Amino acid sequence: MIETRELTKHFKEVRAVDGVNLRVDRGELVALLGPNGAGKSTTLRMLTTLIPPTSGSAEVAGFDVVRQQREVRLRIGYIGQGNGAGHSQRGRDELISQGRAYGMRARAARARADELIESLGLGEVANRTVSTLSGGQRRRLDIAMGLIHAPDLLFLDEPSTGLDPQNRANLQEHIVRLRAEHGTTIVMTTHYLEEADSMAERVVIIDHGRIIADDSPQRLKSAHVGDRVVLGFDSESAADDAARALDGARHGAQVRITSDDGPRLAARSAALAPASIEVVRPTLDDVFLTLTGRSLREETLVEVSS
């Protein structure tokens, strides 16, 4: 569904995307992860034909994003970070018009609009003008507009931003169901590490415009971080013995060991009779920290708050 070759985008002196090579197969759910300014949104904007690459090439759904823009646009859905609906239009009308623009018959567009309005909790506001909606309501309307034609390939740029936890969960459920029922290929950027970890079968980490890691969340965590097993003992001498037996590091009466299978190591260490056993599973932020020396979570919090 997607194949890029040395995809690059410059903005004057800034190399926003720097030679990205990416392949996404039909039916995959891929999350692009990285801090603001890493090149995620710029990559999506090139793949959706909104901006041209400076160099390199990209094919989406089998069509070139520069030479065959119309064919690409007919086969994708795109939910950007900004508000896509006309402020003076009613939400329901915007959805139906979007469906008609994609070639849906009027009856099918109305039925699909009703389905999405119910699914995304827009029933009470669907007949109001867009300008009167709250930020979260507008965001849900944008999402419905991107989903109206049930596209083969769906791009979502920070789809959960501005949503409360309940609506975020509803959106995640809808995305997963869309993929399961229709085989939709989904590429999304997100600031929510847990969202990428739980939803995506594949995570692509981007930093300074380049891909620095690409694998399943579990394999990324195992390969770059591993589980951390912390054993507590009643004395430092007992901790010394355990550290030698398990090749761990002693910190006072604690022993800390990194393992690619923390639960199995914890079960094995029970024979040493520790007073406590804790298995700390790694996160995608731990992976980013290991690869770059920076915390993705901390950078994101600073950027969002500013």
C-alpha atoms as a PDB file:
ATOM      1  CA  MET A   1       0.000   0.000   0.000  1.00  0.00           C
ATOM      2  CA  ILE A   2       2.908   2.392   0.647  1.00  0.00           C
ATOM      3  CA  GLU A   3       6.464   2.346  -0.617  1.00  0.00           C
ATOM      4  CA  THR A   4       8.886   5.257  -0.319  1.00  0.00           C
ATOM      5  CA  ARG A   5      12.449   5.527  -1.582  1.00  0.00           C
ATOM      6  CA  GLU A   6      14.742   8.127  -0.022  1.00  0.00           C
ATOM      7  CA  LEU A   7      11.738  10.395   0.549  1.00  0.00           C
ATOM      8  CA  THR A   8      13.043  13.847   1.481  1.00  0.00           C
ATOM      9  CA  LYS A   9      11.523  17.242   2.242  1.00  0.00           C
ATOM     10  CA  HIS A  10      13.383  20.517   2.814  1.00  0.00           C
ATOM     11  CA  PHE A  11      11.905  23.755   4.121  1.00  0.00           C
ATOM     12  CA  LYS A  12      14.605  26.324   3.298  1.00  0.00           C
ATOM     13  CA  GLU A  13      17.490  25.292   5.555  1.00  0.00           C
ATOM     14  CA  VAL A  14      15.514  22.665   7.496  1.00  0.00           C
ATOM     15  CA  ARG A  15      15.685  19.026   6.405  1.00  0.00           C
ATOM     16  CA  ALA A  16      12.314  17.984   7.826  1.00  0.00           C
ATOM     17  CA  VAL A  17      12.317  14.489   6.273  1.00  0.00           C
ATOM     18  CA  ASP A  18      15.695  13.033   5.462  1.00  0.00           C
ATOM     19  CA  GLY A  19      15.710  10.013   3.148  1.00  0.00           C
ATOM     20  CA  VAL A  20      12.844   7.915   4.534  1.00  0.00           C
ATOM     21  CA  ASN A  21      12.519   4.377   3.156  1.00  0.00           C
ATOM     22  CA  LEU A  22       9.232   2.866   4.276  1.00  0.00           C
ATOM     23  CA  ARG A  23       7.101  -0.031   3.122  1.00  0.00           C
ATOM     24  CA  VAL A  24       3.599  -0.691   4.477  1.00  0.00           C
ATOM     25  CA  ASP A  25       1.731  -3.792   3.327  1.00  0.00           C
ATOM     26  CA  ARG A  26      -2.013  -4.105   2.875  1.00  0.00           C
ATOM     27  CA  GLY A  27      -3.899  -4.507   6.151  1.00  0.00           C
ATOM     28  CA  GLU A  28      -1.116  -3.327   8.466  1.00  0.00           C
ATOM     29  CA  LEU A  29      -1.680  -0.891  11.332  1.00  0.00           C
ATOM     30  CA  VAL A  30       1.485   1.187  11.653  1.00  0.00           C
ATOM     31  CA  ALA A  31       2.170   3.926  14.200  1.00  0.00           C
ATOM     32  CA  LEU A  32       4.727   6.658  13.515  1.00  0.00           C
ATOM     33  CA  LEU A  33       6.224   7.761  16.799  1.00  0.00           C
ATOM     34  CA  GLY A  34       8.523  10.666  17.568  1.00  0.00           C
ATOM     35  CA  PRO A  35       8.628  14.158  19.118  1.00  0.00           C
ATOM     36  CA  ASN A  36       7.164  17.211  17.403  1.00  0.00           C
ATOM     37  CA  GLY A  37       9.429  18.311  14.582  1.00  0.00           C
ATOM     38  CA  ALA A  38      10.683  14.778  13.947  1.00  0.00           C
ATOM     39  CA  GLY A  39       9.102  14.629  10.473  1.00  0.00           C
ATOM     40  CA  LYS A  40       6.016  12.484  11.124  1.00  0.00           C
ATOM     41  CA  SER A  41       3.365  14.930   9.941  1.00  0.00           C
ATOM     42  CA  THR A  42       5.489  16.105   7.022  1.00  0.00           C
ATOM     43  CA  THR A  43       5.832  12.500   5.881  1.00  0.00           C
ATOM     44  CA  LEU A  44       2.046  12.039   6.061  1.00  0.00           C
ATOM     45  CA  ARG A  45       1.454  15.256   4.142  1.00  0.00           C
ATOM     46  CA  MET A  46       3.689  14.026   1.327  1.00  0.00           C
ATOM     47  CA  LEU A  47       2.026  10.601   1.251  1.00  0.00           C
ATOM     48  CA  THR A  48      -1.412  12.227   1.054  1.00  0.00           C
ATOM     49  CA  THR A  49      -0.307  14.544  -1.830  1.00  0.00           C
ATOM     50  CA  LEU A  50      -0.737  17.724   0.235  1.00  0.00           C
ATOM     51  CA  ILE A  51       2.886  18.761  -0.293  1.00  0.00           C
ATOM     52  CA  PRO A  52       5.415  17.530  -2.867  1.00  0.00           C
ATOM     53  CA  PRO A  53       8.687  15.876  -1.838  1.00  0.00           C
ATOM     54  CA  THR A  54      11.939  17.721  -2.455  1.00  0.00           C
ATOM     55  CA  SER A  55      13.489  14.495  -3.679  1.00  0.00           C
ATOM     56  CA  GLY A  56      12.954  10.755  -3.569  1.00  0.00           C
ATOM     57  CA  SER A  57       9.699   9.044  -4.475  1.00  0.00           C
ATOM     58  CA  ALA A  58       6.584   7.524  -2.940  1.00  0.00           C
ATOM     59  CA  GLU A  59       3.805   5.280  -4.188  1.00  0.00           C
ATOM     60  CA  VAL A  60       0.518   5.031  -2.298  1.00  0.00           C
ATOM     61  CA  ALA A  61      -2.024   2.346  -3.228  1.00  0.00           C
ATOM     62  CA  GLY A  62       0.112   1.707  -6.304  1.00  0.00           C
ATOM     63  CA  PHE A  63       0.133   5.328  -7.547  1.00  0.00           C
ATOM     64  CA  ASP A  64       2.844   7.978  -7.576  1.00  0.00           C
ATOM     65  CA  VAL A  65       2.085  10.808  -5.121  1.00  0.00           C
ATOM     66  CA  VAL A  66       3.372  13.479  -7.517  1.00  0.00           C
ATOM     67  CA  ARG A  67       2.257  12.293 -10.958  1.00  0.00           C
ATOM     68  CA  GLN A  68      -0.997  10.525  -9.978  1.00  0.00           C
ATOM     69  CA  GLN A  69      -2.459  12.628  -7.188  1.00  0.00           C
ATOM     70  CA  ARG A  70      -6.114  12.090  -8.123  1.00  0.00           C
ATOM     71  CA  GLU A  71      -5.783   8.294  -8.054  1.00  0.00           C
ATOM     72  CA  VAL A  72      -4.069   8.458  -4.657  1.00  0.00           C
ATOM     73  CA  ARG A  73      -6.720  10.752  -3.165  1.00  0.00           C
ATOM     74  CA  LEU A  74      -9.593   8.556  -4.305  1.00  0.00           C
ATOM     75  CA  ARG A  75      -8.194   5.616  -2.330  1.00  0.00           C
ATOM     76  CA  ILE A  76      -7.231   7.221   0.960  1.00  0.00           C
ATOM     77  CA  GLY A  77      -8.773   8.893   3.966  1.00  0.00           C
ATOM     78  CA  TYR A  78      -6.845  11.591   5.790  1.00  0.00           C
ATOM     79  CA  ILE A  79      -7.520  13.027   9.231  1.00  0.00           C
ATOM     80  CA  GLY A  80      -5.139  15.921   9.790  1.00  0.00           C
ATOM     81  CA  GLN A  81      -4.418  17.930  12.911  1.00  0.00           C
ATOM     82  CA  GLY A  82      -6.539  20.942  11.897  1.00  0.00           C
ATOM     83  CA  ASN A  83     -10.296  21.298  11.590  1.00  0.00           C
ATOM     84  CA  GLY A  84     -11.461  20.112   8.162  1.00  0.00           C
ATOM     85  CA  ALA A  85     -15.163  21.023   8.256  1.00  0.00           C
ATOM     86  CA  GLY A  86     -16.649  24.297   7.016  1.00  0.00           C
ATOM     87  CA  HIS A  87     -17.523  26.466  10.027  1.00  0.00           C
ATOM     88  CA  SER A  88     -20.859  27.667   8.619  1.00  0.00           C
ATOM     89  CA  GLN A  89     -22.064  24.177   7.667  1.00  0.00           C
ATOM     90  CA  ARG A  90     -24.001  21.679   9.778  1.00  0.00           C
ATOM     91  CA  GLY A  91     -22.007  18.647  10.839  1.00  0.00           C
ATOM     92  CA  ARG A  92     -24.346  16.079   9.280  1.00  0.00           C
ATOM     93  CA  ASP A  93     -24.390  17.973   5.980  1.00  0.00           C
ATOM     94  CA  GLU A  94     -20.599  18.091   5.917  1.00  0.00           C
ATOM     95  CA  LEU A  95     -20.419  14.329   6.337  1.00  0.00           C
ATOM     96  CA  ILE A  96     -22.929  13.667   3.562  1.00  0.00           C
ATOM     97  CA  SER A  97     -21.174  16.122   1.236  1.00  0.00           C
ATOM     98  CA  GLN A  98     -17.851  14.437   1.936  1.00  0.00           C
ATOM     99  CA  GLY A  99     -19.330  11.056   1.091  1.00  0.00           C
ATOM    100  CA  ARG A 100     -20.864  12.401  -2.127  1.00  0.00           C
ATOM    101  CA  ALA A 101     -17.499  13.915  -3.104  1.00  0.00           C
ATOM    102  CA  TYR A 102     -16.066  10.403  -2.933  1.00  0.00           C
ATOM    103  CA  GLY A 103     -18.760   9.102  -5.278  1.00  0.00           C
ATOM    104  CA  MET A 104     -21.154   7.604  -2.727  1.00  0.00           C
ATOM    105  CA  ARG A 105     -24.867   7.596  -3.593  1.00  0.00           C
ATOM    106  CA  ALA A 106     -26.955   9.995  -1.497  1.00  0.00           C
ATOM    107  CA  ARG A 107     -28.748   7.248   0.450  1.00  0.00           C
ATOM    108  CA  ALA A 108     -25.483   5.422   1.225  1.00  0.00           C
ATOM    109  CA  ALA A 109     -23.805   8.669   2.305  1.00  0.00           C
ATOM    110  CA  ARG A 110     -26.685   9.499   4.661  1.00  0.00           C
ATOM    111  CA  ALA A 111     -26.664   5.992   6.162  1.00  0.00           C
ATOM    112  CA  ARG A 112     -22.904   6.059   6.662  1.00  0.00           C
ATOM    113  CA  ALA A 113     -23.109   9.535   8.206  1.00  0.00           C
ATOM    114  CA  ASP A 114     -25.747   8.312  10.681  1.00  0.00           C
ATOM    115  CA  GLU A 115     -23.560   5.318  11.580  1.00  0.00           C
ATOM    116  CA  LEU A 116     -20.530   7.486  12.287  1.00  0.00           C
ATOM    117  CA  ILE A 117     -22.534  10.094  14.187  1.00  0.00           C
ATOM    118  CA  GLU A 118     -23.761   7.390  16.551  1.00  0.00           C
ATOM    119  CA  SER A 119     -20.390   5.663  16.838  1.00  0.00           C
ATOM    120  CA  LEU A 120     -18.489   8.852  17.657  1.00  0.00           C
ATOM    121  CA  GLY A 121     -21.101  10.309  20.016  1.00  0.00           C
ATOM    122  CA  LEU A 122     -22.144  13.220  17.796  1.00  0.00           C
ATOM    123  CA  GLY A 123     -25.913  12.635  17.890  1.00  0.00           C
ATOM    124  CA  GLU A 124     -26.774  15.686  19.978  1.00  0.00           C
ATOM    125  CA  VAL A 125     -24.697  18.115  17.908  1.00  0.00           C
ATOM    126  CA  ALA A 126     -24.826  16.712  14.351  1.00  0.00           C
ATOM    127  CA  ASN A 127     -27.415  19.260  13.220  1.00  0.00           C
ATOM    128  CA  ARG A 128     -25.600  22.259  14.679  1.00  0.00           C
ATOM    129  CA  THR A 129     -23.261  24.464  12.667  1.00  0.00           C
ATOM    130  CA  VAL A 130     -19.604  23.524  13.010  1.00  0.00           C
ATOM    131  CA  SER A 131     -18.659  26.926  14.451  1.00  0.00           C
ATOM    132  CA  THR A 132     -20.775  26.223  17.562  1.00  0.00           C
ATOM    133  CA  LEU A 133     -19.060  22.907  18.374  1.00  0.00           C
ATOM    134  CA  SER A 134     -16.422  22.460  21.059  1.00  0.00           C
ATOM    135  CA  GLY A 135     -12.855  21.525  20.140  1.00  0.00           C
ATOM    136  CA  GLY A 136     -13.425  17.882  21.031  1.00  0.00           C
ATOM    137  CA  GLN A 137     -16.678  17.743  19.043  1.00  0.00           C
ATOM    138  CA  ARG A 138     -14.969  19.234  15.987  1.00  0.00           C
ATOM    139  CA  ARG A 139     -12.205  16.681  16.314  1.00  0.00           C
ATOM    140  CA  ARG A 140     -14.721  13.834  16.285  1.00  0.00           C
ATOM    141  CA  LEU A 141     -16.411  15.360  13.236  1.00  0.00           C
ATOM    142  CA  ASP A 142     -13.039  15.509  11.450  1.00  0.00           C
ATOM    143  CA  ILE A 143     -12.534  11.845  12.227  1.00  0.00           C
ATOM    144  CA  ALA A 144     -15.975  10.970  10.866  1.00  0.00           C
ATOM    145  CA  MET A 145     -15.203  12.882   7.653  1.00  0.00           C
ATOM    146  CA  GLY A 146     -12.036  10.848   7.159  1.00  0.00           C
ATOM    147  CA  LEU A 147     -13.920   7.600   7.694  1.00  0.00           C
ATOM    148  CA  ILE A 148     -17.066   8.375   5.679  1.00  0.00           C
ATOM    149  CA  HIS A 149     -16.064   6.421   2.561  1.00  0.00           C
ATOM    150  CA  ALA A 150     -14.427   3.501   4.458  1.00  0.00           C
ATOM    151  CA  PRO A 151     -11.139   3.992   2.576  1.00  0.00           C
ATOM    152  CA  ASP A 152      -8.661   1.222   1.736  1.00  0.00           C
ATOM    153  CA  LEU A 153      -5.906   3.277   3.360  1.00  0.00           C
ATOM    154  CA  LEU A 154      -6.450   5.636   6.270  1.00  0.00           C
ATOM    155  CA  PHE A 155      -3.960   8.249   7.503  1.00  0.00           C
ATOM    156  CA  LEU A 156      -4.507   9.689  10.976  1.00  0.00           C
ATOM    157  CA  ASP A 157      -2.334  12.542  12.226  1.00  0.00           C
ATOM    158  CA  GLU A 158      -2.613  12.720  16.030  1.00  0.00           C
ATOM    159  CA  PRO A 159      -6.259  11.550  15.919  1.00  0.00           C
ATOM    160  CA  SER A 160      -6.758  11.403  19.692  1.00  0.00           C
ATOM    161  CA  THR A 161      -5.517  14.906  20.474  1.00  0.00           C
ATOM    162  CA  GLY A 162      -8.233  16.911  22.216  1.00  0.00           C
ATOM    163  CA  LEU A 163     -10.443  13.914  22.993  1.00  0.00           C
ATOM    164  CA  ASP A 164     -11.463  12.899  26.495  1.00  0.00           C
ATOM    165  CA  PRO A 165     -10.580   9.345  27.605  1.00  0.00           C
ATOM    166  CA  GLN A 166     -14.010   7.913  26.744  1.00  0.00           C
ATOM    167  CA  ASN A 167     -14.056   9.316  23.217  1.00  0.00           C
ATOM    168  CA  ARG A 168     -10.431   8.344  22.746  1.00  0.00           C
ATOM    169  CA  ALA A 169     -11.345   4.765  23.633  1.00  0.00           C
ATOM    170  CA  ASN A 170     -14.357   4.911  21.262  1.00  0.00           C
ATOM    171  CA  LEU A 171     -12.113   6.116  18.442  1.00  0.00           C
ATOM    172  CA  GLN A 172      -9.559   3.385  19.068  1.00  0.00           C
ATOM    173  CA  GLU A 173     -12.323   0.786  19.033  1.00  0.00           C
ATOM    174  CA  HIS A 174     -13.687   2.154  15.756  1.00  0.00           C
ATOM    175  CA  ILE A 175     -10.235   2.107  14.130  1.00  0.00           C
ATOM    176  CA  VAL A 176      -9.571  -1.465  15.206  1.00  0.00           C
ATOM    177  CA  ARG A 177     -13.035  -2.541  14.005  1.00  0.00           C
ATOM    178  CA  LEU A 178     -12.566  -0.771  10.667  1.00  0.00           C
ATOM    179  CA  ARG A 179      -9.397  -2.716  10.098  1.00  0.00           C
ATOM    180  CA  ALA A 180     -10.869  -6.041  11.239  1.00  0.00           C
ATOM    181  CA  GLU A 181     -14.074  -5.767   9.191  1.00  0.00           C
ATOM    182  CA  HIS A 182     -12.760  -4.090   6.049  1.00  0.00           C
ATOM    183  CA  GLY A 183      -9.039  -4.903   5.999  1.00  0.00           C
ATOM    184  CA  THR A 184      -8.235  -1.198   6.024  1.00  0.00           C
ATOM    185  CA  THR A 185      -4.558  -0.284   6.094  1.00  0.00           C
ATOM    186  CA  ILE A 186      -3.943   2.340   8.776  1.00  0.00           C
ATOM    187  CA  VAL A 187      -0.981   4.665   9.304  1.00  0.00           C
ATOM    188  CA  MET A 188      -1.179   6.951  12.305  1.00  0.00           C
ATOM    189  CA  THR A 189       0.958   9.378  14.244  1.00  0.00           C
ATOM    190  CA  THR A 190       0.333   9.735  17.951  1.00  0.00           C
ATOM    191  CA  HIS A 191       1.684  11.414  21.078  1.00  0.00           C
ATOM    192  CA  TYR A 192       0.138   8.702  23.242  1.00  0.00           C
ATOM    193  CA  LEU A 193       2.748   5.987  23.757  1.00  0.00           C
ATOM    194  CA  GLU A 194       0.193   3.597  25.220  1.00  0.00           C
ATOM    195  CA  GLU A 195      -2.003   4.075  22.141  1.00  0.00           C
ATOM    196  CA  ALA A 196       0.822   3.065  19.808  1.00  0.00           C
ATOM    197  CA  ASP A 197       1.765   0.150  22.053  1.00  0.00           C
ATOM    198  CA  SER A 198      -1.734  -1.302  22.331  1.00  0.00           C
ATOM    199  CA  MET A 199      -3.070  -0.649  18.813  1.00  0.00           C
ATOM    200  CA  ALA A 200      -0.187  -0.931  16.369  1.00  0.00           C
ATOM    201  CA  GLU A 201       1.362  -4.184  15.266  1.00  0.00           C
ATOM    202  CA  ARG A 202       4.311  -2.165  14.021  1.00  0.00           C
ATOM    203  CA  VAL A 203       5.936   1.009  15.352  1.00  0.00           C
ATOM    204  CA  VAL A 204       8.204   3.225  13.269  1.00  0.00           C
ATOM    205  CA  ILE A 205      10.251   5.640  15.384  1.00  0.00           C
ATOM    206  CA  ILE A 206      11.329   8.833  13.605  1.00  0.00           C
ATOM    207  CA  ASP A 207      13.864  11.336  14.920  1.00  0.00           C
ATOM    208  CA  HIS A 208      15.362  14.314  13.077  1.00  0.00           C
ATOM    209  CA  GLY A 209      13.621  13.257   9.876  1.00  0.00           C
ATOM    210  CA  ARG A 210      15.049   9.737   9.774  1.00  0.00           C
ATOM    211  CA  ILE A 211      13.707   6.317  10.743  1.00  0.00           C
ATOM    212  CA  ILE A 212      15.756   5.022  13.665  1.00  0.00           C
ATOM    213  CA  ALA A 213      13.712   1.903  14.501  1.00  0.00           C
ATOM    214  CA  ASP A 214      10.973  -0.153  12.857  1.00  0.00           C
ATOM    215  CA  ASP A 215       9.458  -3.295  14.404  1.00  0.00           C
ATOM    216  CA  SER A 216       6.625  -4.581  16.557  1.00  0.00           C
ATOM    217  CA  PRO A 217       6.314  -2.849  19.947  1.00  0.00           C
ATOM    218  CA  GLN A 218       7.272  -6.014  21.803  1.00  0.00           C
ATOM    219  CA  ARG A 219      10.343  -6.722  19.689  1.00  0.00           C
ATOM    220  CA  LEU A 220      11.502  -3.118  19.956  1.00  0.00           C
ATOM    221  CA  LYS A 221      11.257  -3.280  23.732  1.00  0.00           C
ATOM    222  CA  SER A 222      12.973  -6.673  23.956  1.00  0.00           C
ATOM    223  CA  ALA A 223      15.767  -5.762  21.538  1.00  0.00           C
ATOM    224  CA  HIS A 224      16.611  -2.306  22.890  1.00  0.00           C
ATOM    225  CA  VAL A 225      15.616  -2.389  26.556  1.00  0.00           C
ATOM    226  CA  GLY A 226      14.396  -5.711  27.968  1.00  0.00           C
ATOM    227  CA  ASP A 227      12.507  -6.400  31.180  1.00  0.00           C
ATOM    228  CA  ARG A 228      13.973  -5.275  34.491  1.00  0.00           C
ATOM    229  CA  VAL A 229      13.664  -7.717  37.369  1.00  0.00           C
ATOM    230  CA  VAL A 230      14.180  -6.275  40.864  1.00  0.00           C
ATOM    231  CA  LEU A 231      14.759  -8.707  43.735  1.00  0.00           C
ATOM    232  CA  GLY A 232      14.648  -7.569  47.353  1.00  0.00           C
ATOM    233  CA  PHE A 233      16.511  -9.475  50.104  1.00  0.00           C
ATOM    234  CA  ASP A 234      16.662  -9.254  53.882  1.00  0.00           C
ATOM    235  CA  SER A 235      20.412  -8.695  53.877  1.00  0.00           C
ATOM    236  CA  GLU A 236      23.158  -7.416  51.614  1.00  0.00           C
ATOM    237  CA  SER A 237      25.041 -10.715  51.883  1.00  0.00           C
ATOM    238  CA  ALA A 238      22.037 -12.599  50.490  1.00  0.00           C
ATOM    239  CA  ALA A 239      21.769  -9.983  47.729  1.00  0.00           C
ATOM    240  CA  ASP A 240      25.490 -10.505  46.968  1.00  0.00           C
ATOM    241  CA  ASP A 241      24.954 -14.231  46.515  1.00  0.00           C
ATOM    242  CA  ALA A 242      21.954 -13.656  44.241  1.00  0.00           C
ATOM    243  CA  ALA A 243      23.809 -11.066  42.166  1.00  0.00           C
ATOM    244  CA  ARG A 244      26.605 -13.551  41.485  1.00  0.00           C
ATOM    245  CA  ALA A 245      24.188 -16.374  40.695  1.00  0.00           C
ATOM    246  CA  LEU A 246      22.059 -14.314  38.313  1.00  0.00           C
ATOM    247  CA  ASP A 247      24.726 -11.989  36.910  1.00  0.00           C
ATOM    248  CA  GLY A 248      22.871  -8.973  38.265  1.00  0.00           C
ATOM    249  CA  ALA A 249      23.814  -5.647  39.827  1.00  0.00           C
ATOM    250  CA  ARG A 250      23.458  -5.230  43.586  1.00  0.00           C
ATOM    251  CA  HIS A 251      22.108  -1.981  45.026  1.00  0.00           C
ATOM    252  CA  GLY A 252      22.067  -2.332  48.793  1.00  0.00           C
ATOM    253  CA  ALA A 253      19.792  -5.291  49.566  1.00  0.00           C
ATOM    254  CA  GLN A 254      18.332  -5.241  46.041  1.00  0.00           C
ATOM    255  CA  VAL A 255      19.467  -7.033  42.890  1.00  0.00           C
ATOM    256  CA  ARG A 256      18.539  -5.666  39.467  1.00  0.00           C
ATOM    257  CA  ILE A 257      18.767  -7.766  36.320  1.00  0.00           C
ATOM    258  CA  THR A 258      17.845  -6.995  32.709  1.00  0.00           C
ATOM    259  CA  SER A 259      16.265  -9.875  30.821  1.00  0.00           C
ATOM    260  CA  ASP A 260      14.435 -10.490  27.551  1.00  0.00           C
ATOM    261  CA  ASP A 261      11.944 -12.622  29.514  1.00  0.00           C
ATOM    262  CA  GLY A 262      11.341 -11.064  32.906  1.00  0.00           C
ATOM    263  CA  PRO A 263       8.575 -13.408  34.109  1.00  0.00           C
ATOM    264  CA  ARG A 264      10.675 -16.506  33.413  1.00  0.00           C
ATOM    265  CA  LEU A 265      13.681 -15.014  35.205  1.00  0.00           C
ATOM    266  CA  ALA A 266      11.459 -14.039  38.145  1.00  0.00           C
ATOM    267  CA  ALA A 267      10.200 -17.606  38.417  1.00  0.00           C
ATOM    268  CA  ARG A 268      13.778 -18.922  38.319  1.00  0.00           C
ATOM    269  CA  SER A 269      14.936 -16.472  40.978  1.00  0.00           C
ATOM    270  CA  ALA A 270      12.280 -17.685  43.433  1.00  0.00           C
ATOM    271  CA  ALA A 271      14.663 -20.499  44.349  1.00  0.00           C
ATOM    272  CA  LEU A 272      16.930 -17.869  45.963  1.00  0.00           C
ATOM    273  CA  ALA A 273      14.119 -16.958  48.396  1.00  0.00           C
ATOM    274  CA  PRO A 274      13.980 -13.172  47.860  1.00  0.00           C
ATOM    275  CA  ALA A 275      11.738 -11.134  50.126  1.00  0.00           C
ATOM    276  CA  SER A 276      10.195  -9.451  47.077  1.00  0.00           C
ATOM    277  CA  ILE A 277      10.166  -9.835  43.301  1.00  0.00           C
ATOM    278  CA  GLU A 278       9.161  -7.093  40.866  1.00  0.00           C
ATOM    279  CA  VAL A 279       9.121  -7.308  37.070  1.00  0.00           C
ATOM    280  CA  VAL A 280       9.209  -3.911  35.355  1.00  0.00           C
ATOM    281  CA  ARG A 281       8.182  -4.122  31.710  1.00  0.00           C
ATOM    282  CA  PRO A 282       9.762  -1.579  29.346  1.00  0.00           C
ATOM    283  CA  THR A 283       7.811   1.085  27.474  1.00  0.00           C
ATOM    284  CA  LEU A 284       8.255   2.616  24.041  1.00  0.00           C
ATOM    285  CA  ASP A 285       9.594   5.698  25.810  1.00  0.00           C
ATOM    286  CA  ASP A 286      12.359   3.490  27.237  1.00  0.00           C
ATOM    287  CA  VAL A 287      13.165   2.416  23.676  1.00  0.00           C
ATOM    288  CA  PHE A 288      13.357   6.033  22.508  1.00  0.00           C
ATOM    289  CA  LEU A 289      15.510   6.949  25.505  1.00  0.00           C
ATOM    290  CA  THR A 290      17.905   4.089  24.750  1.00  0.00           C
ATOM    291  CA  LEU A 291      18.172   5.012  21.065  1.00  0.00           C
ATOM    292  CA  THR A 292      18.487   8.789  21.439  1.00  0.00           C
ATOM    293  CA  GLY A 293      19.410   9.572  25.032  1.00  0.00           C
ATOM    294  CA  ARG A 294      16.192  11.621  25.344  1.00  0.00           C
ATOM    295  CA  SER A 295      12.765  10.886  26.781  1.00  0.00           C
ATOM    296  CA  LEU A 296      10.016  11.057  24.186  1.00  0.00           C
ATOM    297  CA  ARG A 297       7.387  11.441  26.907  1.00  0.00           C
ATOM    298  CA  GLU A 298       9.103  14.434  28.506  1.00  0.00           C
ATOM    299  CA  GLU A 299       9.697  16.175  25.161  1.00  0.00           C
ATOM    300  CA  THR A 300       6.086  15.639  24.152  1.00  0.00           C
ATOM    301  CA  LEU A 301       4.744  17.019  27.422  1.00  0.00           C
ATOM    302  CA  VAL A 302       6.883  20.136  27.068  1.00  0.00           C
ATOM    303  CA  GLU A 303       5.831  20.674  23.438  1.00  0.00           C
ATOM    304  CA  VAL A 304       2.133  20.121  24.099  1.00  0.00           C
ATOM    305  CA  SER A 305       2.103  22.436  27.129  1.00  0.00           C
ATOM    306  CA  SER A 306       3.889  25.183  25.199  1.00  0.00           C
END
